[in-house]
N, C-alpha and C. Protein backbone atom coordinates (compact mmCIF):
# COMPACT_ATOMS: atom_id res chain seq x y z
N UNK A 1 85.87 81.92 102.36
CA UNK A 1 85.06 83.03 101.92
C UNK A 1 83.66 83.00 102.53
N UNK A 2 83.34 81.96 103.22
CA UNK A 2 81.99 81.86 103.81
C UNK A 2 81.72 82.94 104.84
N UNK A 3 82.76 83.42 105.50
CA UNK A 3 82.56 84.41 106.56
C UNK A 3 82.39 85.83 106.02
N UNK A 4 82.55 86.01 104.72
CA UNK A 4 82.43 87.34 104.13
C UNK A 4 80.98 87.67 103.83
N UNK A 5 80.67 88.95 103.88
CA UNK A 5 79.34 89.39 103.48
C UNK A 5 79.18 89.18 101.97
N UNK A 6 77.96 89.11 101.48
CA UNK A 6 77.77 88.87 100.04
C UNK A 6 78.48 89.89 99.15
N UNK A 7 78.47 91.16 99.51
CA UNK A 7 79.12 92.16 98.66
C UNK A 7 80.65 92.02 98.69
N UNK A 8 81.21 91.70 99.86
CA UNK A 8 82.65 91.52 99.97
C UNK A 8 83.06 90.23 99.27
N UNK A 9 82.24 89.19 99.39
CA UNK A 9 82.53 87.94 98.70
C UNK A 9 82.54 88.15 97.18
N UNK A 10 81.55 88.89 96.68
CA UNK A 10 81.49 89.17 95.24
C UNK A 10 82.72 89.94 94.78
N UNK A 11 83.15 90.92 95.58
CA UNK A 11 84.34 91.69 95.23
C UNK A 11 85.58 90.80 95.26
N UNK A 12 85.68 89.90 96.25
CA UNK A 12 86.82 88.99 96.35
C UNK A 12 86.88 88.07 95.13
N UNK A 13 85.74 87.60 94.68
CA UNK A 13 85.69 86.75 93.49
C UNK A 13 86.11 87.54 92.26
N UNK A 14 85.64 88.77 92.17
CA UNK A 14 86.03 89.63 91.05
C UNK A 14 87.54 89.84 91.03
N UNK A 15 88.11 90.12 92.19
CA UNK A 15 89.56 90.34 92.30
C UNK A 15 90.31 89.04 91.98
N UNK A 16 89.84 87.92 92.51
CA UNK A 16 90.50 86.63 92.25
C UNK A 16 90.51 86.30 90.76
N UNK A 17 89.39 86.54 90.10
CA UNK A 17 89.33 86.29 88.66
C UNK A 17 90.34 87.16 87.91
N UNK A 18 90.44 88.40 88.32
CA UNK A 18 91.39 89.32 87.69
C UNK A 18 92.83 88.86 87.92
N UNK A 19 93.14 88.44 89.15
CA UNK A 19 94.49 87.97 89.45
C UNK A 19 94.84 86.73 88.63
N UNK A 20 93.88 85.84 88.46
CA UNK A 20 94.13 84.63 87.67
C UNK A 20 94.34 84.99 86.20
N UNK A 21 93.59 85.98 85.72
CA UNK A 21 93.79 86.44 84.34
C UNK A 21 95.18 87.04 84.15
N UNK A 22 95.73 87.62 85.23
CA UNK A 22 97.06 88.21 85.17
C UNK A 22 98.15 87.15 85.23
N UNK A 23 97.77 85.90 85.47
CA UNK A 23 98.74 84.82 85.41
C UNK A 23 99.27 84.32 86.74
N UNK A 24 98.65 84.68 87.85
CA UNK A 24 99.10 84.14 89.13
C UNK A 24 98.62 82.69 89.25
N UNK A 25 99.56 81.74 89.29
CA UNK A 25 99.17 80.33 89.26
C UNK A 25 98.79 79.72 90.61
N UNK A 26 99.27 80.29 91.70
CA UNK A 26 99.05 79.72 93.02
C UNK A 26 97.65 80.10 93.51
N UNK A 27 96.74 79.13 93.52
CA UNK A 27 95.35 79.40 93.87
C UNK A 27 95.19 79.88 95.31
N UNK A 28 95.94 79.30 96.24
CA UNK A 28 95.85 79.72 97.64
C UNK A 28 96.29 81.18 97.79
N UNK A 29 97.33 81.55 97.08
CA UNK A 29 97.81 82.92 97.13
C UNK A 29 96.77 83.88 96.52
N UNK A 30 96.17 83.47 95.42
CA UNK A 30 95.15 84.29 94.77
C UNK A 30 93.97 84.50 95.71
N UNK A 31 93.52 83.45 96.36
CA UNK A 31 92.38 83.56 97.28
C UNK A 31 92.73 84.46 98.46
N UNK A 32 93.89 84.25 99.04
CA UNK A 32 94.32 85.06 100.18
C UNK A 32 94.41 86.54 99.82
N UNK A 33 95.04 86.82 98.69
CA UNK A 33 95.19 88.22 98.25
C UNK A 33 93.83 88.84 97.94
N UNK A 34 92.96 88.09 97.30
CA UNK A 34 91.67 88.66 96.91
C UNK A 34 90.80 88.95 98.13
N UNK A 35 90.85 88.09 99.12
CA UNK A 35 90.08 88.34 100.35
C UNK A 35 90.61 89.57 101.07
N UNK A 36 91.91 89.69 101.18
CA UNK A 36 92.50 90.86 101.84
C UNK A 36 92.13 92.15 101.12
N UNK A 37 92.22 92.13 99.80
CA UNK A 37 91.88 93.33 99.03
C UNK A 37 90.39 93.66 99.12
N UNK A 38 89.55 92.63 99.11
CA UNK A 38 88.10 92.86 99.22
C UNK A 38 87.75 93.44 100.58
N UNK A 39 88.41 92.98 101.63
CA UNK A 39 88.17 93.55 102.96
C UNK A 39 88.62 95.00 103.02
N UNK A 40 89.76 95.31 102.42
CA UNK A 40 90.22 96.71 102.36
C UNK A 40 89.22 97.57 101.59
N UNK A 41 88.72 97.04 100.48
CA UNK A 41 87.71 97.75 99.68
C UNK A 41 86.47 98.05 100.54
N UNK A 42 86.03 97.07 101.31
CA UNK A 42 84.84 97.25 102.15
C UNK A 42 85.09 98.28 103.25
N UNK A 43 86.27 98.23 103.86
CA UNK A 43 86.60 99.21 104.90
C UNK A 43 86.62 100.63 104.33
N UNK A 44 87.23 100.76 103.17
CA UNK A 44 87.31 102.08 102.54
C UNK A 44 85.91 102.58 102.17
N UNK A 45 85.10 101.69 101.66
CA UNK A 45 83.73 102.05 101.29
C UNK A 45 82.93 102.49 102.51
N UNK A 46 83.11 101.78 103.63
CA UNK A 46 82.43 102.13 104.88
C UNK A 46 82.90 103.48 105.39
N UNK A 47 84.19 103.72 105.34
CA UNK A 47 84.75 104.99 105.80
C UNK A 47 84.24 106.14 104.96
N UNK A 48 84.17 105.94 103.65
CA UNK A 48 83.67 106.99 102.76
C UNK A 48 82.20 107.30 103.02
N UNK A 49 81.40 106.26 103.26
CA UNK A 49 79.99 106.50 103.51
C UNK A 49 79.78 107.17 104.86
N UNK A 50 80.62 106.84 105.85
CA UNK A 50 80.54 107.49 107.18
C UNK A 50 80.92 108.96 107.05
N UNK A 51 81.95 109.24 106.28
CA UNK A 51 82.39 110.61 106.07
C UNK A 51 81.29 111.39 105.35
N UNK A 52 80.66 110.79 104.38
CA UNK A 52 79.59 111.45 103.64
C UNK A 52 78.40 111.74 104.56
N UNK A 53 78.11 110.82 105.48
CA UNK A 53 77.02 111.04 106.43
C UNK A 53 77.30 112.25 107.31
N UNK A 54 78.54 112.43 107.70
CA UNK A 54 78.93 113.60 108.51
C UNK A 54 78.75 114.87 107.69
N UNK A 55 79.18 114.83 106.44
CA UNK A 55 79.03 116.01 105.58
C UNK A 55 77.56 116.34 105.34
N UNK A 56 76.73 115.33 105.24
CA UNK A 56 75.31 115.57 105.00
C UNK A 56 74.63 116.25 106.18
N UNK A 57 75.19 116.05 107.38
CA UNK A 57 74.62 116.68 108.57
C UNK A 57 74.95 118.16 108.69
N UNK A 58 75.98 118.58 107.97
CA UNK A 58 76.44 119.97 108.08
C UNK A 58 75.53 120.88 107.29
């Protein structure tokens, strides 16, 4: 998780905590899944803000 930005790292931790609460016992799997989901969240957030910037120019 060191290579993640602070906001993506925080989201990955949030997701990992949620997955553990749901009962996923494999810590490596939880970490892997949470990082992937946090990166998807960041990409989506970036795409939405880029789209909004285009709309603001119109």
